[in-house]
Amino acid sequence: MNLADMRRKGRGVVPEPEYGMQRYNATLNDDLVRQARSEFVQGGVSAVEVLANQAEVNQKTLIRAATGKSWRHVQ
């Protein structure tokens, strides 16, 4: 009864997920992720760490994006 009432009133709608730059608190952008992936292929983790320092973002955040563990929607 409660679930049916919730759905009837439109309260059971799950919002669409936000990815990447759509998030209000995103620290990366698509171009930086693409650059990090390119740097990772050429120079490994240390190259991405240098890029993270230059961009003033957390190294682990950028490494996760460069390795595809996050920001998977960016090609």
C-alpha atoms as a PDB file:
ATOM      1  CA  MET A   1       0.000   0.000   0.000  1.00  0.00           C
ATOM      2  CA  ASN A   2       2.738   2.482   0.917  1.00  0.00           C
ATOM      3  CA  LEU A   3       4.827   1.741  -2.188  1.00  0.00           C
ATOM      4  CA  ALA A   4       1.823   2.098  -4.466  1.00  0.00           C
ATOM      5  CA  ASP A   5       0.942   5.416  -2.819  1.00  0.00           C
ATOM      6  CA  MET A   6       4.533   6.648  -3.197  1.00  0.00           C
ATOM      7  CA  ARG A   7       4.615   5.801  -6.892  1.00  0.00           C
ATOM      8  CA  ARG A   8       1.177   7.259  -7.529  1.00  0.00           C
ATOM      9  CA  LYS A   9       2.330  10.568  -6.050  1.00  0.00           C
ATOM     10  CA  GLY A  10       5.558  10.518  -8.092  1.00  0.00           C
ATOM     11  CA  ARG A  11       7.843  10.236  -5.105  1.00  0.00           C
ATOM     12  CA  GLY A  12       9.535   7.020  -6.131  1.00  0.00           C
ATOM     13  CA  VAL A  13      11.350   8.464  -9.119  1.00  0.00           C
ATOM     14  CA  VAL A  14      15.108   7.916  -9.064  1.00  0.00           C
ATOM     15  CA  PRO A  15      17.027  10.799 -10.674  1.00  0.00           C
ATOM     16  CA  GLU A  16      19.367  10.143 -13.587  1.00  0.00           C
ATOM     17  CA  PRO A  17      22.986   9.653 -12.462  1.00  0.00           C
ATOM     18  CA  GLU A  18      25.393  12.511 -12.992  1.00  0.00           C
ATOM     19  CA  TYR A  19      28.748  11.765 -14.598  1.00  0.00           C
ATOM     20  CA  GLY A  20      31.946  13.755 -14.751  1.00  0.00           C
ATOM     21  CA  MET A  21      31.514  17.475 -15.206  1.00  0.00           C
ATOM     22  CA  GLN A  22      27.765  17.214 -14.593  1.00  0.00           C
ATOM     23  CA  ARG A  23      28.555  16.728 -10.906  1.00  0.00           C
ATOM     24  CA  TYR A  24      28.537  19.932  -8.891  1.00  0.00           C
ATOM     25  CA  ASN A  25      31.761  19.009  -7.091  1.00  0.00           C
ATOM     26  CA  ALA A  26      33.824  17.689 -10.020  1.00  0.00           C
ATOM     27  CA  THR A  27      37.511  18.558  -9.791  1.00  0.00           C
ATOM     28  CA  LEU A  28      38.444  17.130 -13.198  1.00  0.00           C
ATOM     29  CA  ASN A  29      37.226  17.865 -16.694  1.00  0.00           C
ATOM     30  CA  ASP A  30      37.082  15.758 -19.846  1.00  0.00           C
ATOM     31  CA  ASP A  31      40.158  17.366 -21.429  1.00  0.00           C
ATOM     32  CA  LEU A  32      42.291  16.809 -18.327  1.00  0.00           C
ATOM     33  CA  VAL A  33      41.223  13.158 -18.173  1.00  0.00           C
ATOM     34  CA  ARG A  34      42.128  12.642 -21.840  1.00  0.00           C
ATOM     35  CA  GLN A  35      45.500  14.276 -21.263  1.00  0.00           C
ATOM     36  CA  ALA A  36      46.109  12.130 -18.173  1.00  0.00           C
ATOM     37  CA  ARG A  37      45.318   8.961 -20.119  1.00  0.00           C
ATOM     38  CA  SER A  38      47.756   9.981 -22.829  1.00  0.00           C
ATOM     39  CA  GLU A  39      50.443  10.758 -20.247  1.00  0.00           C
ATOM     40  CA  PHE A  40      49.784   7.430 -18.504  1.00  0.00           C
ATOM     41  CA  VAL A  41      50.351   5.480 -21.728  1.00  0.00           C
ATOM     42  CA  GLN A  42      53.582   7.340 -22.441  1.00  0.00           C
ATOM     43  CA  GLY A  43      55.083   7.727 -18.986  1.00  0.00           C
ATOM     44  CA  GLY A  44      53.119   5.691 -16.458  1.00  0.00           C
ATOM     45  CA  VAL A  45      51.935   6.765 -13.037  1.00  0.00           C
ATOM     46  CA  SER A  46      54.770   9.229 -12.390  1.00  0.00           C
ATOM     47  CA  ALA A  47      53.790  11.289 -15.453  1.00  0.00           C
ATOM     48  CA  VAL A  48      50.207  11.454 -14.219  1.00  0.00           C
ATOM     49  CA  GLU A  49      51.394  12.520 -10.766  1.00  0.00           C
ATOM     50  CA  VAL A  50      53.302  15.433 -12.314  1.00  0.00           C
ATOM     51  CA  LEU A  51      50.206  16.428 -14.294  1.00  0.00           C
ATOM     52  CA  ALA A  52      48.082  16.228 -11.129  1.00  0.00           C
ATOM     53  CA  ASN A  53      50.461  18.561  -9.320  1.00  0.00           C
ATOM     54  CA  GLN A  54      50.378  21.016 -12.224  1.00  0.00           C
ATOM     55  CA  ALA A  55      46.572  20.928 -12.356  1.00  0.00           C
ATOM     56  CA  GLU A  56      46.369  21.165  -8.549  1.00  0.00           C
ATOM     57  CA  VAL A  57      44.186  18.073  -8.159  1.00  0.00           C
ATOM     58  CA  ASN A  58      44.652  15.031  -5.961  1.00  0.00           C
ATOM     59  CA  GLN A  59      47.065  12.545  -7.502  1.00  0.00           C
ATOM     60  CA  LYS A  60      44.921   9.506  -6.712  1.00  0.00           C
ATOM     61  CA  THR A  61      41.888  11.152  -8.280  1.00  0.00           C
ATOM     62  CA  LEU A  62      43.715  11.731 -11.540  1.00  0.00           C
ATOM     63  CA  ILE A  63      45.387   8.304 -11.515  1.00  0.00           C
ATOM     64  CA  ARG A  64      41.991   6.617 -11.097  1.00  0.00           C
ATOM     65  CA  ALA A  65      40.675   8.587 -14.064  1.00  0.00           C
ATOM     66  CA  ALA A  66      43.774   7.857 -16.158  1.00  0.00           C
ATOM     67  CA  THR A  67      43.555   4.114 -15.520  1.00  0.00           C
ATOM     68  CA  GLY A  68      39.834   3.995 -16.267  1.00  0.00           C
ATOM     69  CA  LYS A  69      38.643   3.243 -12.737  1.00  0.00           C
ATOM     70  CA  SER A  70      36.652   6.452 -12.814  1.00  0.00           C
ATOM     71  CA  TRP A  71      35.522   8.817 -15.575  1.00  0.00           C
ATOM     72  CA  ARG A  72      34.777   5.792 -17.763  1.00  0.00           C
ATOM     73  CA  HIS A  73      32.338   7.828 -19.833  1.00  0.00           C
ATOM     74  CA  VAL A  74      35.255   9.823 -21.345  1.00  0.00           C
ATOM     75  CA  GLN A  75      36.746   8.226 -24.460  1.00  0.00           C
END
